[in-house]
Amino acid sequence: MEWIIGIGVALFVLFLIVGIFAQKKHGQDMVTGGSGYIRAAVAVILSTLLERAQRPELSEEENASLIEIERIFPTAMAAGRKVFGDVVTEEVMQDELKGVVKYGPNYLIAAKEHGMIDMAQQKCSIERKDDIVLAAMTALQLNYSEPAEEFKALRLFTSWFYTNPLDGDRRMLGADSPVNLLESSIVLSNEIVRELTAKVDANAERASET
């Protein structure tokens, strides 16, 4: 009987050690921009878009100003890759989408309440936080010609995400800040549209030659 208890204690200690190392690795990712950081960024991008997603219980008129569900994944992918590069893969995007949608509406609030990005809030430099917010803003820019009200949920989120609650608005809007994420998101979204248009034109040209 004692050996069974001994094995149980040993397994508990092992799981505890593994958990500590995993948490430490996750914290390091936030500092270095590793996989944990990328996943946190993807979760915020998806949450931002899902806040504005069309819903079946809404009327056609109410849904008119919201994002078609079919646009969520591709625009999140385009914005994520534009800011973070090819480390934003379809696999990562799909994994984080599953994690985000299970919390239901008000995704950015849920992300905070369920601790999905606590480590990012605690460990990321302000520049890495800027990149996460920039990617989310760029994704919104790809769905709206001149977003303003559409940034409301993200602005509320950044009041918690940045150490100084005022830094979110300042850096998003370029007010009393050397950083203007709004301007940067417009530039990036325009670049994405130009690149996609060029690909479509090139494919059409190749198809006409065959």
N, C-alpha and C. Protein backbone atom coordinates (compact mmCIF):
# COMPACT_ATOMS: atom_id res chain seq x y z
N MET A 1 0.82 -1.21 0.00
CA MET A 1 0.00 0.00 0.00
C MET A 1 0.86 1.26 0.00
N GLU A 2 1.94 1.21 0.77
CA GLU A 2 2.81 2.38 0.88
C GLU A 2 3.45 2.72 -0.47
N TRP A 3 3.78 1.66 -1.24
CA TRP A 3 4.43 1.94 -2.53
C TRP A 3 3.46 2.61 -3.50
N ILE A 4 2.15 2.30 -3.37
CA ILE A 4 1.16 2.97 -4.22
C ILE A 4 1.08 4.45 -3.88
N ILE A 5 1.08 4.72 -2.56
CA ILE A 5 1.07 6.13 -2.12
C ILE A 5 2.32 6.84 -2.59
N GLY A 6 3.47 6.14 -2.51
CA GLY A 6 4.74 6.73 -2.96
C GLY A 6 4.71 7.09 -4.42
N ILE A 7 4.15 6.18 -5.25
CA ILE A 7 4.05 6.46 -6.68
C ILE A 7 3.14 7.65 -6.93
N GLY A 8 2.03 7.72 -6.18
CA GLY A 8 1.09 8.83 -6.34
C GLY A 8 1.74 10.16 -6.02
N VAL A 9 2.51 10.18 -4.93
CA VAL A 9 3.21 11.41 -4.53
C VAL A 9 4.24 11.80 -5.58
N ALA A 10 4.97 10.79 -6.08
CA ALA A 10 6.00 11.05 -7.10
C ALA A 10 5.38 11.63 -8.37
N LEU A 11 4.24 11.08 -8.78
CA LEU A 11 3.56 11.58 -9.98
C LEU A 11 3.06 13.01 -9.77
N PHE A 12 2.54 13.28 -8.57
CA PHE A 12 2.07 14.63 -8.27
C PHE A 12 3.21 15.64 -8.35
N VAL A 13 4.35 15.26 -7.76
CA VAL A 13 5.53 16.15 -7.80
C VAL A 13 5.99 16.35 -9.24
N LEU A 14 5.96 15.27 -10.03
CA LEU A 14 6.38 15.36 -11.43
C LEU A 14 5.48 16.32 -12.20
N PHE A 15 4.16 16.16 -12.03
CA PHE A 15 3.22 17.05 -12.73
C PHE A 15 3.40 18.49 -12.28
N LEU A 16 3.68 18.67 -11.00
CA LEU A 16 3.89 20.02 -10.47
C LEU A 16 5.12 20.66 -11.10
N ILE A 17 6.20 19.89 -11.21
CA ILE A 17 7.44 20.39 -11.81
C ILE A 17 7.23 20.73 -13.28
N VAL A 18 6.54 19.82 -13.99
CA VAL A 18 6.25 20.06 -15.42
C VAL A 18 5.42 21.33 -15.58
N GLY A 19 4.44 21.52 -14.70
CA GLY A 19 3.60 22.71 -14.77
C GLY A 19 4.39 23.99 -14.53
N ILE A 20 5.31 23.93 -13.58
CA ILE A 20 6.15 25.10 -13.27
C ILE A 20 7.03 25.44 -14.46
N PHE A 21 7.64 24.42 -15.06
CA PHE A 21 8.50 24.66 -16.22
C PHE A 21 7.69 25.19 -17.40
N ALA A 22 6.46 24.66 -17.59
CA ALA A 22 5.61 25.11 -18.69
C ALA A 22 5.23 26.58 -18.50
N GLN A 23 4.91 26.95 -17.25
CA GLN A 23 4.55 28.33 -16.97
C GLN A 23 5.75 29.25 -17.18
N LYS A 24 6.93 28.78 -16.77
CA LYS A 24 8.14 29.58 -16.96
C LYS A 24 8.42 29.77 -18.44
N LYS A 25 8.25 28.69 -19.23
CA LYS A 25 8.46 28.77 -20.68
C LYS A 25 7.47 29.75 -21.31
N HIS A 26 6.22 29.71 -20.84
CA HIS A 26 5.19 30.60 -21.36
C HIS A 26 5.55 32.05 -21.07
N GLY A 27 6.06 32.30 -19.86
CA GLY A 27 6.48 33.65 -19.51
C GLY A 27 7.65 34.12 -20.36
N GLN A 28 8.59 33.21 -20.63
CA GLN A 28 9.73 33.56 -21.49
C GLN A 28 9.28 33.88 -22.90
N ASP A 29 8.27 33.14 -23.39
CA ASP A 29 7.73 33.40 -24.72
C ASP A 29 7.21 34.83 -24.84
N MET A 30 6.60 35.34 -23.77
CA MET A 30 6.06 36.69 -23.81
C MET A 30 7.17 37.73 -23.91
N VAL A 31 8.30 37.40 -23.33
CA VAL A 31 9.44 38.32 -23.36
C VAL A 31 10.15 38.25 -24.72
N THR A 32 10.30 37.03 -25.24
CA THR A 32 11.10 36.83 -26.46
C THR A 32 10.28 36.80 -27.74
N GLY A 33 8.95 36.78 -27.61
CA GLY A 33 8.12 36.69 -28.82
C GLY A 33 7.98 35.27 -29.31
N GLY A 34 8.05 34.29 -28.42
CA GLY A 34 7.95 32.88 -28.78
C GLY A 34 6.54 32.45 -29.10
N SER A 35 6.34 31.12 -29.16
CA SER A 35 5.06 30.58 -29.61
C SER A 35 3.89 30.98 -28.71
N GLY A 36 4.13 31.05 -27.39
CA GLY A 36 3.07 31.45 -26.48
C GLY A 36 2.60 32.88 -26.75
N TYR A 37 3.54 33.74 -27.08
CA TYR A 37 3.22 35.13 -27.42
C TYR A 37 2.40 35.19 -28.70
N ILE A 38 2.81 34.43 -29.70
CA ILE A 38 2.09 34.43 -30.99
C ILE A 38 0.67 33.94 -30.78
N ARG A 39 0.50 32.90 -29.97
CA ARG A 39 -0.84 32.38 -29.71
C ARG A 39 -1.71 33.41 -28.98
N ALA A 40 -1.11 34.13 -28.05
CA ALA A 40 -1.85 35.19 -27.35
C ALA A 40 -2.28 36.27 -28.34
N ALA A 41 -1.37 36.62 -29.24
CA ALA A 41 -1.68 37.64 -30.25
C ALA A 41 -2.82 37.19 -31.15
N VAL A 42 -2.77 35.95 -31.60
CA VAL A 42 -3.82 35.41 -32.47
C VAL A 42 -5.17 35.40 -31.73
N ALA A 43 -5.15 35.06 -30.46
CA ALA A 43 -6.38 35.05 -29.66
C ALA A 43 -7.00 36.45 -29.60
N VAL A 44 -6.16 37.46 -29.45
CA VAL A 44 -6.67 38.84 -29.40
C VAL A 44 -7.22 39.27 -30.75
N ILE A 45 -6.52 38.93 -31.83
CA ILE A 45 -7.00 39.28 -33.18
C ILE A 45 -8.37 38.65 -33.43
N LEU A 46 -8.49 37.36 -33.16
CA LEU A 46 -9.75 36.66 -33.38
C LEU A 46 -10.85 37.21 -32.48
N SER A 47 -10.51 37.47 -31.22
CA SER A 47 -11.50 38.01 -30.29
C SER A 47 -12.02 39.35 -30.76
N THR A 48 -11.12 40.18 -31.27
CA THR A 48 -11.50 41.51 -31.75
C THR A 48 -12.51 41.41 -32.89
N LEU A 49 -12.25 40.49 -33.83
CA LEU A 49 -13.17 40.34 -34.97
C LEU A 49 -14.48 39.69 -34.55
N LEU A 50 -14.41 38.70 -33.67
CA LEU A 50 -15.64 38.01 -33.25
C LEU A 50 -16.56 38.93 -32.44
N GLU A 51 -15.98 39.96 -31.80
CA GLU A 51 -16.80 40.95 -31.12
C GLU A 51 -17.76 41.62 -32.11
N ARG A 52 -17.32 41.70 -33.39
CA ARG A 52 -18.10 42.40 -34.40
C ARG A 52 -18.70 41.45 -35.43
N ALA A 53 -18.78 40.17 -35.11
CA ALA A 53 -19.26 39.17 -36.07
C ALA A 53 -20.79 39.15 -36.15
N GLN A 54 -21.28 38.86 -37.34
CA GLN A 54 -22.73 38.69 -37.52
C GLN A 54 -23.22 37.50 -36.68
N ARG A 55 -24.48 37.62 -36.21
CA ARG A 55 -25.07 36.56 -35.39
C ARG A 55 -26.47 36.23 -35.88
N PRO A 56 -26.83 34.97 -35.88
CA PRO A 56 -28.12 34.57 -36.44
C PRO A 56 -29.32 35.15 -35.71
N GLU A 57 -29.15 35.46 -34.42
CA GLU A 57 -30.29 35.98 -33.65
C GLU A 57 -30.57 37.45 -33.94
N LEU A 58 -29.67 38.12 -34.67
CA LEU A 58 -29.86 39.53 -34.99
C LEU A 58 -30.63 39.67 -36.30
N SER A 59 -31.24 40.83 -36.46
CA SER A 59 -31.98 41.10 -37.70
C SER A 59 -31.01 41.38 -38.84
N GLU A 60 -31.53 41.35 -40.05
CA GLU A 60 -30.69 41.65 -41.22
C GLU A 60 -30.13 43.06 -41.13
N GLU A 61 -30.91 43.98 -40.64
CA GLU A 61 -30.46 45.37 -40.49
C GLU A 61 -29.34 45.47 -39.46
N GLU A 62 -29.47 44.77 -38.36
CA GLU A 62 -28.44 44.80 -37.31
C GLU A 62 -27.14 44.14 -37.80
N ASN A 63 -27.28 43.07 -38.56
CA ASN A 63 -26.10 42.37 -39.07
C ASN A 63 -25.39 43.13 -40.18
N ALA A 64 -26.07 44.09 -40.78
CA ALA A 64 -25.50 44.80 -41.93
C ALA A 64 -24.19 45.50 -41.59
N SER A 65 -24.07 45.96 -40.35
CA SER A 65 -22.86 46.68 -39.95
C SER A 65 -21.82 45.77 -39.29
N LEU A 66 -22.09 44.47 -39.29
CA LEU A 66 -21.19 43.52 -38.65
C LEU A 66 -20.44 42.69 -39.70
N ILE A 67 -19.45 41.94 -39.23
CA ILE A 67 -18.55 41.21 -40.14
C ILE A 67 -19.13 39.84 -40.47
N GLU A 68 -19.12 39.50 -41.74
CA GLU A 68 -19.56 38.16 -42.14
C GLU A 68 -18.62 37.12 -41.55
N ILE A 69 -19.18 36.04 -41.03
CA ILE A 69 -18.40 34.99 -40.38
C ILE A 69 -17.30 34.47 -41.30
N GLU A 70 -17.60 34.38 -42.58
CA GLU A 70 -16.63 33.84 -43.55
C GLU A 70 -15.38 34.71 -43.68
N ARG A 71 -15.47 35.96 -43.26
CA ARG A 71 -14.34 36.88 -43.37
C ARG A 71 -13.42 36.84 -42.15
N ILE A 72 -13.90 36.27 -41.05
CA ILE A 72 -13.13 36.30 -39.80
C ILE A 72 -11.77 35.65 -39.95
N PHE A 73 -11.75 34.39 -40.38
CA PHE A 73 -10.51 33.64 -40.44
C PHE A 73 -9.51 34.24 -41.43
N PRO A 74 -9.91 34.52 -42.70
CA PRO A 74 -8.92 35.04 -43.65
C PRO A 74 -8.38 36.42 -43.30
N THR A 75 -9.22 37.30 -42.76
CA THR A 75 -8.72 38.63 -42.42
C THR A 75 -7.84 38.59 -41.17
N ALA A 76 -8.18 37.70 -40.23
CA ALA A 76 -7.31 37.53 -39.06
C ALA A 76 -5.96 36.97 -39.48
N MET A 77 -5.98 36.01 -40.39
CA MET A 77 -4.74 35.42 -40.89
C MET A 77 -3.88 36.45 -41.61
N ALA A 78 -4.51 37.24 -42.46
CA ALA A 78 -3.78 38.25 -43.24
C ALA A 78 -3.13 39.29 -42.32
N ALA A 79 -3.89 39.77 -41.34
CA ALA A 79 -3.35 40.78 -40.42
C ALA A 79 -2.27 40.18 -39.53
N GLY A 80 -2.51 38.96 -39.04
CA GLY A 80 -1.52 38.31 -38.18
C GLY A 80 -0.19 38.10 -38.89
N ARG A 81 -0.26 37.61 -40.12
CA ARG A 81 0.98 37.36 -40.87
C ARG A 81 1.67 38.66 -41.27
N LYS A 82 0.89 39.70 -41.50
CA LYS A 82 1.51 40.98 -41.88
C LYS A 82 2.35 41.53 -40.74
N VAL A 83 1.88 41.35 -39.52
CA VAL A 83 2.60 41.90 -38.36
C VAL A 83 3.65 40.92 -37.83
N PHE A 84 3.32 39.62 -37.78
CA PHE A 84 4.19 38.64 -37.11
C PHE A 84 4.90 37.68 -38.06
N GLY A 85 4.52 37.67 -39.32
CA GLY A 85 5.17 36.78 -40.28
C GLY A 85 4.53 35.41 -40.35
N ASP A 86 5.26 34.47 -40.97
CA ASP A 86 4.72 33.14 -41.24
C ASP A 86 4.55 32.26 -40.01
N VAL A 87 4.98 32.74 -38.84
CA VAL A 87 4.76 31.96 -37.62
C VAL A 87 3.27 31.88 -37.29
N VAL A 88 2.49 32.78 -37.86
CA VAL A 88 1.02 32.69 -37.73
C VAL A 88 0.53 31.72 -38.79
N THR A 89 0.37 30.47 -38.39
CA THR A 89 -0.03 29.41 -39.31
C THR A 89 -1.53 29.13 -39.19
N GLU A 90 -2.06 28.40 -40.16
CA GLU A 90 -3.47 28.02 -40.10
C GLU A 90 -3.74 27.14 -38.88
N GLU A 91 -2.78 26.29 -38.54
CA GLU A 91 -2.95 25.41 -37.39
C GLU A 91 -3.08 26.22 -36.10
N VAL A 92 -2.20 27.21 -35.92
CA VAL A 92 -2.27 28.07 -34.73
C VAL A 92 -3.59 28.83 -34.72
N MET A 93 -3.97 29.35 -35.88
CA MET A 93 -5.21 30.12 -35.98
C MET A 93 -6.43 29.26 -35.61
N GLN A 94 -6.47 28.04 -36.12
CA GLN A 94 -7.59 27.15 -35.83
C GLN A 94 -7.63 26.74 -34.36
N ASP A 95 -6.46 26.47 -33.78
CA ASP A 95 -6.40 26.11 -32.36
C ASP A 95 -6.92 27.23 -31.48
N GLU A 96 -6.48 28.45 -31.76
CA GLU A 96 -6.89 29.59 -30.93
C GLU A 96 -8.36 29.95 -31.16
N LEU A 97 -8.83 29.72 -32.38
CA LEU A 97 -10.25 29.98 -32.66
C LEU A 97 -11.14 29.10 -31.79
N LYS A 98 -10.75 27.83 -31.64
CA LYS A 98 -11.51 26.91 -30.79
C LYS A 98 -11.52 27.42 -29.35
N GLY A 99 -10.36 27.89 -28.88
CA GLY A 99 -10.26 28.37 -27.51
C GLY A 99 -11.07 29.63 -27.27
N VAL A 100 -11.14 30.49 -28.29
CA VAL A 100 -11.84 31.76 -28.14
C VAL A 100 -13.36 31.57 -28.17
N VAL A 101 -13.85 30.79 -29.14
CA VAL A 101 -15.30 30.72 -29.33
C VAL A 101 -16.02 30.00 -28.18
N LYS A 102 -15.32 29.15 -27.46
CA LYS A 102 -16.01 28.41 -26.39
C LYS A 102 -16.45 29.31 -25.24
N TYR A 103 -15.93 30.54 -25.19
CA TYR A 103 -16.33 31.45 -24.12
C TYR A 103 -17.53 32.31 -24.48
N GLY A 104 -18.05 32.15 -25.69
CA GLY A 104 -19.25 32.86 -26.07
C GLY A 104 -19.01 34.32 -26.42
N PRO A 105 -20.09 35.14 -26.42
CA PRO A 105 -19.98 36.57 -26.80
C PRO A 105 -19.06 37.35 -25.86
N ASN A 106 -18.81 38.59 -26.23
CA ASN A 106 -17.92 39.48 -25.46
C ASN A 106 -16.54 38.83 -25.30
N TYR A 107 -15.94 38.50 -26.43
CA TYR A 107 -14.74 37.68 -26.43
C TYR A 107 -13.55 38.35 -25.76
N LEU A 108 -13.38 39.63 -25.96
CA LEU A 108 -12.24 40.31 -25.34
C LEU A 108 -12.38 40.34 -23.83
N ILE A 109 -13.60 40.53 -23.35
CA ILE A 109 -13.83 40.49 -21.90
C ILE A 109 -13.57 39.08 -21.38
N ALA A 110 -14.02 38.08 -22.14
CA ALA A 110 -13.80 36.70 -21.74
C ALA A 110 -12.31 36.37 -21.70
N ALA A 111 -11.56 36.89 -22.68
CA ALA A 111 -10.12 36.64 -22.72
C ALA A 111 -9.46 37.14 -21.44
N LYS A 112 -9.94 38.27 -20.94
CA LYS A 112 -9.40 38.82 -19.69
C LYS A 112 -9.88 38.01 -18.48
N GLU A 113 -11.18 37.77 -18.43
CA GLU A 113 -11.75 37.11 -17.26
C GLU A 113 -11.26 35.68 -17.07
N HIS A 114 -10.99 34.99 -18.18
CA HIS A 114 -10.56 33.60 -18.09
C HIS A 114 -9.04 33.46 -18.11
N GLY A 115 -8.34 34.58 -18.03
CA GLY A 115 -6.89 34.53 -17.90
C GLY A 115 -6.16 34.05 -19.14
N MET A 116 -6.81 34.14 -20.32
CA MET A 116 -6.19 33.63 -21.53
C MET A 116 -4.92 34.38 -21.91
N ILE A 117 -4.86 35.65 -21.54
CA ILE A 117 -3.68 36.44 -21.94
C ILE A 117 -3.08 37.19 -20.75
N ASP A 118 -3.30 36.68 -19.55
CA ASP A 118 -2.73 37.31 -18.35
C ASP A 118 -1.22 37.42 -18.45
N MET A 119 -0.58 36.34 -18.94
CA MET A 119 0.87 36.34 -19.01
C MET A 119 1.38 37.41 -19.98
N ALA A 120 0.65 37.60 -21.08
CA ALA A 120 1.05 38.64 -22.04
C ALA A 120 0.94 40.02 -21.39
N GLN A 121 -0.11 40.23 -20.62
CA GLN A 121 -0.29 41.52 -19.95
C GLN A 121 0.83 41.78 -18.96
N GLN A 122 1.28 40.73 -18.29
CA GLN A 122 2.28 40.88 -17.24
C GLN A 122 3.71 40.95 -17.77
N LYS A 123 4.00 40.18 -18.81
CA LYS A 123 5.39 39.97 -19.23
C LYS A 123 5.81 40.73 -20.49
N CYS A 124 4.88 41.05 -21.38
CA CYS A 124 5.25 41.65 -22.66
C CYS A 124 5.76 43.08 -22.47
N SER A 125 6.74 43.44 -23.28
CA SER A 125 7.16 44.83 -23.34
C SER A 125 6.05 45.65 -23.99
N ILE A 126 6.11 46.95 -23.84
CA ILE A 126 5.07 47.80 -24.43
C ILE A 126 5.09 47.68 -25.96
N GLU A 127 6.28 47.45 -26.53
CA GLU A 127 6.39 47.30 -27.99
C GLU A 127 5.70 46.02 -28.45
N ARG A 128 5.84 44.95 -27.70
CA ARG A 128 5.17 43.70 -28.08
C ARG A 128 3.66 43.82 -27.91
N LYS A 129 3.23 44.55 -26.90
CA LYS A 129 1.80 44.82 -26.76
C LYS A 129 1.30 45.64 -27.94
N ASP A 130 2.09 46.61 -28.36
CA ASP A 130 1.73 47.42 -29.53
C ASP A 130 1.49 46.54 -30.75
N ASP A 131 2.36 45.56 -30.96
CA ASP A 131 2.23 44.69 -32.12
C ASP A 131 0.93 43.88 -32.08
N ILE A 132 0.56 43.41 -30.90
CA ILE A 132 -0.69 42.66 -30.76
C ILE A 132 -1.88 43.56 -31.10
N VAL A 133 -1.89 44.76 -30.54
CA VAL A 133 -2.99 45.68 -30.79
C VAL A 133 -2.99 46.13 -32.25
N LEU A 134 -1.81 46.35 -32.81
CA LEU A 134 -1.71 46.75 -34.22
C LEU A 134 -2.31 45.68 -35.14
N ALA A 135 -2.01 44.43 -34.86
CA ALA A 135 -2.55 43.34 -35.69
C ALA A 135 -4.07 43.30 -35.59
N ALA A 136 -4.61 43.48 -34.38
CA ALA A 136 -6.06 43.48 -34.20
C ALA A 136 -6.70 44.66 -34.92
N MET A 137 -6.08 45.82 -34.84
CA MET A 137 -6.61 47.00 -35.53
C MET A 137 -6.55 46.82 -37.05
N THR A 138 -5.48 46.22 -37.53
CA THR A 138 -5.33 45.98 -38.97
C THR A 138 -6.43 45.04 -39.47
N ALA A 139 -6.73 44.01 -38.66
CA ALA A 139 -7.80 43.08 -39.03
C ALA A 139 -9.14 43.80 -39.13
N LEU A 140 -9.39 44.74 -38.23
CA LEU A 140 -10.62 45.54 -38.31
C LEU A 140 -10.61 46.43 -39.54
N GLN A 141 -9.46 47.01 -39.84
CA GLN A 141 -9.35 47.87 -41.02
C GLN A 141 -9.68 47.11 -42.30
N LEU A 142 -9.38 45.82 -42.33
CA LEU A 142 -9.66 45.01 -43.51
C LEU A 142 -11.16 44.75 -43.68
N ASN A 143 -11.93 45.01 -42.64
CA ASN A 143 -13.37 44.76 -42.68
C ASN A 143 -14.22 46.03 -42.69
N TYR A 144 -13.62 47.16 -42.37
CA TYR A 144 -14.34 48.43 -42.34
C TYR A 144 -13.49 49.51 -43.02
N SER A 145 -14.14 50.36 -43.80
CA SER A 145 -13.40 51.39 -44.53
C SER A 145 -12.85 52.46 -43.59
N GLU A 146 -13.62 52.87 -42.61
CA GLU A 146 -13.16 53.87 -41.65
C GLU A 146 -13.66 53.51 -40.25
N PRO A 147 -13.07 52.50 -39.63
CA PRO A 147 -13.55 52.07 -38.31
C PRO A 147 -13.34 53.14 -37.24
N ALA A 148 -14.29 53.30 -36.38
CA ALA A 148 -14.19 54.22 -35.24
C ALA A 148 -14.91 53.57 -34.06
N GLU A 149 -16.25 53.50 -34.16
CA GLU A 149 -17.05 52.81 -33.15
C GLU A 149 -16.61 51.35 -33.02
N GLU A 150 -16.12 50.79 -34.14
CA GLU A 150 -15.69 49.39 -34.17
C GLU A 150 -14.48 49.13 -33.28
N PHE A 151 -13.75 50.18 -32.92
CA PHE A 151 -12.58 50.04 -32.04
C PHE A 151 -12.96 50.06 -30.55
N LYS A 152 -14.23 50.28 -30.25
CA LYS A 152 -14.64 50.51 -28.86
C LYS A 152 -14.24 49.37 -27.93
N ALA A 153 -14.56 48.13 -28.33
CA ALA A 153 -14.24 46.98 -27.46
C ALA A 153 -12.74 46.81 -27.31
N LEU A 154 -11.99 47.05 -28.39
CA LEU A 154 -10.53 46.93 -28.33
C LEU A 154 -9.94 48.01 -27.43
N ARG A 155 -10.48 49.20 -27.48
CA ARG A 155 -9.99 50.29 -26.63
C ARG A 155 -10.23 49.97 -25.15
N LEU A 156 -11.38 49.39 -24.87
CA LEU A 156 -11.66 48.98 -23.48
C LEU A 156 -10.68 47.90 -23.05
N PHE A 157 -10.39 46.98 -23.94
CA PHE A 157 -9.44 45.91 -23.65
C PHE A 157 -8.05 46.47 -23.36
N THR A 158 -7.60 47.44 -24.15
CA THR A 158 -6.24 47.97 -23.97
C THR A 158 -6.10 48.76 -22.67
N SER A 159 -7.21 49.25 -22.12
CA SER A 159 -7.13 49.97 -20.84
C SER A 159 -6.68 49.02 -19.73
N TRP A 160 -6.88 47.74 -19.94
CA TRP A 160 -6.38 46.73 -19.00
C TRP A 160 -5.05 46.14 -19.47
N PHE A 161 -4.90 45.98 -20.76
CA PHE A 161 -3.74 45.28 -21.33
C PHE A 161 -2.43 46.02 -21.08
N TYR A 162 -2.44 47.34 -21.21
CA TYR A 162 -1.25 48.14 -20.94
C TYR A 162 -1.15 48.41 -19.44
N THR A 163 0.09 48.54 -18.96
CA THR A 163 0.30 48.79 -17.53
C THR A 163 -0.37 50.08 -17.09
N ASN A 164 -0.21 51.13 -17.89
CA ASN A 164 -0.90 52.39 -17.65
C ASN A 164 -2.22 52.36 -18.43
N PRO A 165 -3.36 52.45 -17.75
CA PRO A 165 -4.65 52.36 -18.44
C PRO A 165 -4.83 53.37 -19.56
N LEU A 166 -4.10 54.49 -19.51
CA LEU A 166 -4.24 55.52 -20.53
C LEU A 166 -3.40 55.24 -21.78
N ASP A 167 -2.42 54.36 -21.64
CA ASP A 167 -1.50 54.10 -22.76
C ASP A 167 -2.21 53.50 -23.97
N GLY A 168 -3.25 52.70 -23.74
CA GLY A 168 -3.96 52.08 -24.85
C GLY A 168 -4.50 53.11 -25.82
N ASP A 169 -5.29 54.04 -25.30
CA ASP A 169 -5.86 55.09 -26.15
C ASP A 169 -4.78 55.97 -26.77
N ARG A 170 -3.81 56.33 -25.97
CA ARG A 170 -2.74 57.19 -26.47
C ARG A 170 -2.01 56.56 -27.65
N ARG A 171 -1.68 55.31 -27.52
CA ARG A 171 -0.90 54.63 -28.55
C ARG A 171 -1.77 54.20 -29.74
N MET A 172 -3.02 53.87 -29.47
CA MET A 172 -3.91 53.53 -30.58
C MET A 172 -4.19 54.74 -31.46
N LEU A 173 -4.40 55.88 -30.84
CA LEU A 173 -4.82 57.07 -31.58
C LEU A 173 -3.71 58.08 -31.82
N GLY A 174 -2.52 57.81 -31.26
CA GLY A 174 -1.39 58.71 -31.47
C GLY A 174 -1.49 60.01 -30.71
N ALA A 175 -2.26 60.03 -29.63
CA ALA A 175 -2.43 61.24 -28.82
C ALA A 175 -1.37 61.28 -27.73
N ASP A 176 -0.56 62.32 -27.73
CA ASP A 176 0.52 62.45 -26.74
C ASP A 176 1.38 61.20 -26.69
N SER A 177 1.66 60.64 -27.85
CA SER A 177 2.45 59.41 -27.92
C SER A 177 3.27 59.40 -29.19
N PRO A 178 4.51 58.87 -29.13
CA PRO A 178 5.32 58.77 -30.35
C PRO A 178 4.81 57.67 -31.28
N VAL A 179 3.87 56.87 -30.79
CA VAL A 179 3.33 55.75 -31.56
C VAL A 179 1.89 56.05 -31.97
N ASN A 180 1.58 55.80 -33.25
CA ASN A 180 0.21 55.98 -33.73
C ASN A 180 -0.21 54.68 -34.42
N LEU A 181 -0.82 53.78 -33.65
CA LEU A 181 -1.19 52.48 -34.18
C LEU A 181 -2.32 52.58 -35.21
N LEU A 182 -3.15 53.61 -35.11
CA LEU A 182 -4.21 53.80 -36.09
C LEU A 182 -3.63 54.04 -37.47
N GLU A 183 -2.69 54.96 -37.56
CA GLU A 183 -2.05 55.24 -38.85
C GLU A 183 -1.33 54.00 -39.38
N SER A 184 -0.63 53.31 -38.50
CA SER A 184 0.11 52.12 -38.91
C SER A 184 -0.83 51.03 -39.42
N SER A 185 -1.98 50.88 -38.77
CA SER A 185 -2.93 49.85 -39.19
C SER A 185 -3.52 50.17 -40.57
N ILE A 186 -3.72 51.44 -40.85
CA ILE A 186 -4.21 51.85 -42.18
C ILE A 186 -3.19 51.50 -43.24
N VAL A 187 -1.93 51.81 -42.95
CA VAL A 187 -0.85 51.51 -43.90
C VAL A 187 -0.77 50.01 -44.17
N LEU A 188 -0.79 49.21 -43.11
CA LEU A 188 -0.67 47.76 -43.26
C LEU A 188 -1.87 47.17 -44.00
N SER A 189 -3.06 47.63 -43.67
CA SER A 189 -4.26 47.08 -44.34
C SER A 189 -4.24 47.43 -45.83
N ASN A 190 -3.78 48.63 -46.16
CA ASN A 190 -3.67 49.01 -47.57
C ASN A 190 -2.64 48.14 -48.29
N GLU A 191 -1.54 47.85 -47.62
CA GLU A 191 -0.52 46.97 -48.20
C GLU A 191 -1.08 45.57 -48.46
N ILE A 192 -1.84 45.06 -47.51
CA ILE A 192 -2.44 43.72 -47.66
C ILE A 192 -3.37 43.70 -48.87
N VAL A 193 -4.21 44.73 -48.99
CA VAL A 193 -5.16 44.78 -50.12
C VAL A 193 -4.42 44.85 -51.44
N ARG A 194 -3.36 45.67 -51.50
CA ARG A 194 -2.58 45.76 -52.75
C ARG A 194 -1.93 44.42 -53.09
N GLU A 195 -1.39 43.75 -52.09
CA GLU A 195 -0.74 42.46 -52.33
C GLU A 195 -1.73 41.41 -52.81
N LEU A 196 -2.91 41.38 -52.18
CA LEU A 196 -3.94 40.42 -52.59
C LEU A 196 -4.45 40.71 -53.99
N THR A 197 -4.62 42.01 -54.29
CA THR A 197 -5.07 42.39 -55.62
C THR A 197 -4.06 41.99 -56.68
N ALA A 198 -2.78 42.18 -56.37
CA ALA A 198 -1.71 41.80 -57.31
C ALA A 198 -1.71 40.30 -57.55
N LYS A 199 -1.95 39.51 -56.51
CA LYS A 199 -1.99 38.05 -56.66
C LYS A 199 -3.17 37.63 -57.53
N VAL A 200 -4.33 38.25 -57.29
CA VAL A 200 -5.52 37.93 -58.09
C VAL A 200 -5.27 38.27 -59.55
N ASP A 201 -4.69 39.44 -59.80
CA ASP A 201 -4.41 39.86 -61.18
C ASP A 201 -3.42 38.92 -61.85
N ALA A 202 -2.38 38.51 -61.10
CA ALA A 202 -1.37 37.60 -61.66
C ALA A 202 -1.98 36.24 -61.98
N ASN A 203 -2.84 35.74 -61.10
CA ASN A 203 -3.50 34.46 -61.35
C ASN A 203 -4.42 34.55 -62.56
N ALA A 204 -5.12 35.67 -62.68
CA ALA A 204 -6.03 35.86 -63.82
C ALA A 204 -5.23 35.90 -65.12
N GLU A 205 -4.08 36.56 -65.06
CA GLU A 205 -3.24 36.67 -66.26
C GLU A 205 -2.71 35.30 -66.67
N ARG A 206 -2.27 34.51 -65.68
CA ARG A 206 -1.76 33.16 -65.98
C ARG A 206 -2.88 32.28 -66.55
N ALA A 207 -4.09 32.45 -66.00
CA ALA A 207 -5.20 31.64 -66.48
C ALA A 207 -5.57 31.98 -67.92
N SER A 208 -5.46 33.26 -68.28
CA SER A 208 -5.78 33.69 -69.64
C SER A 208 -4.76 33.20 -70.67
N GLU A 209 -3.55 32.90 -70.19
CA GLU A 209 -2.49 32.45 -71.09
C GLU A 209 -2.57 30.96 -71.38
N THR A 210 -3.32 30.24 -70.57
CA THR A 210 -3.42 28.78 -70.76
C THR A 210 -4.59 28.40 -71.64
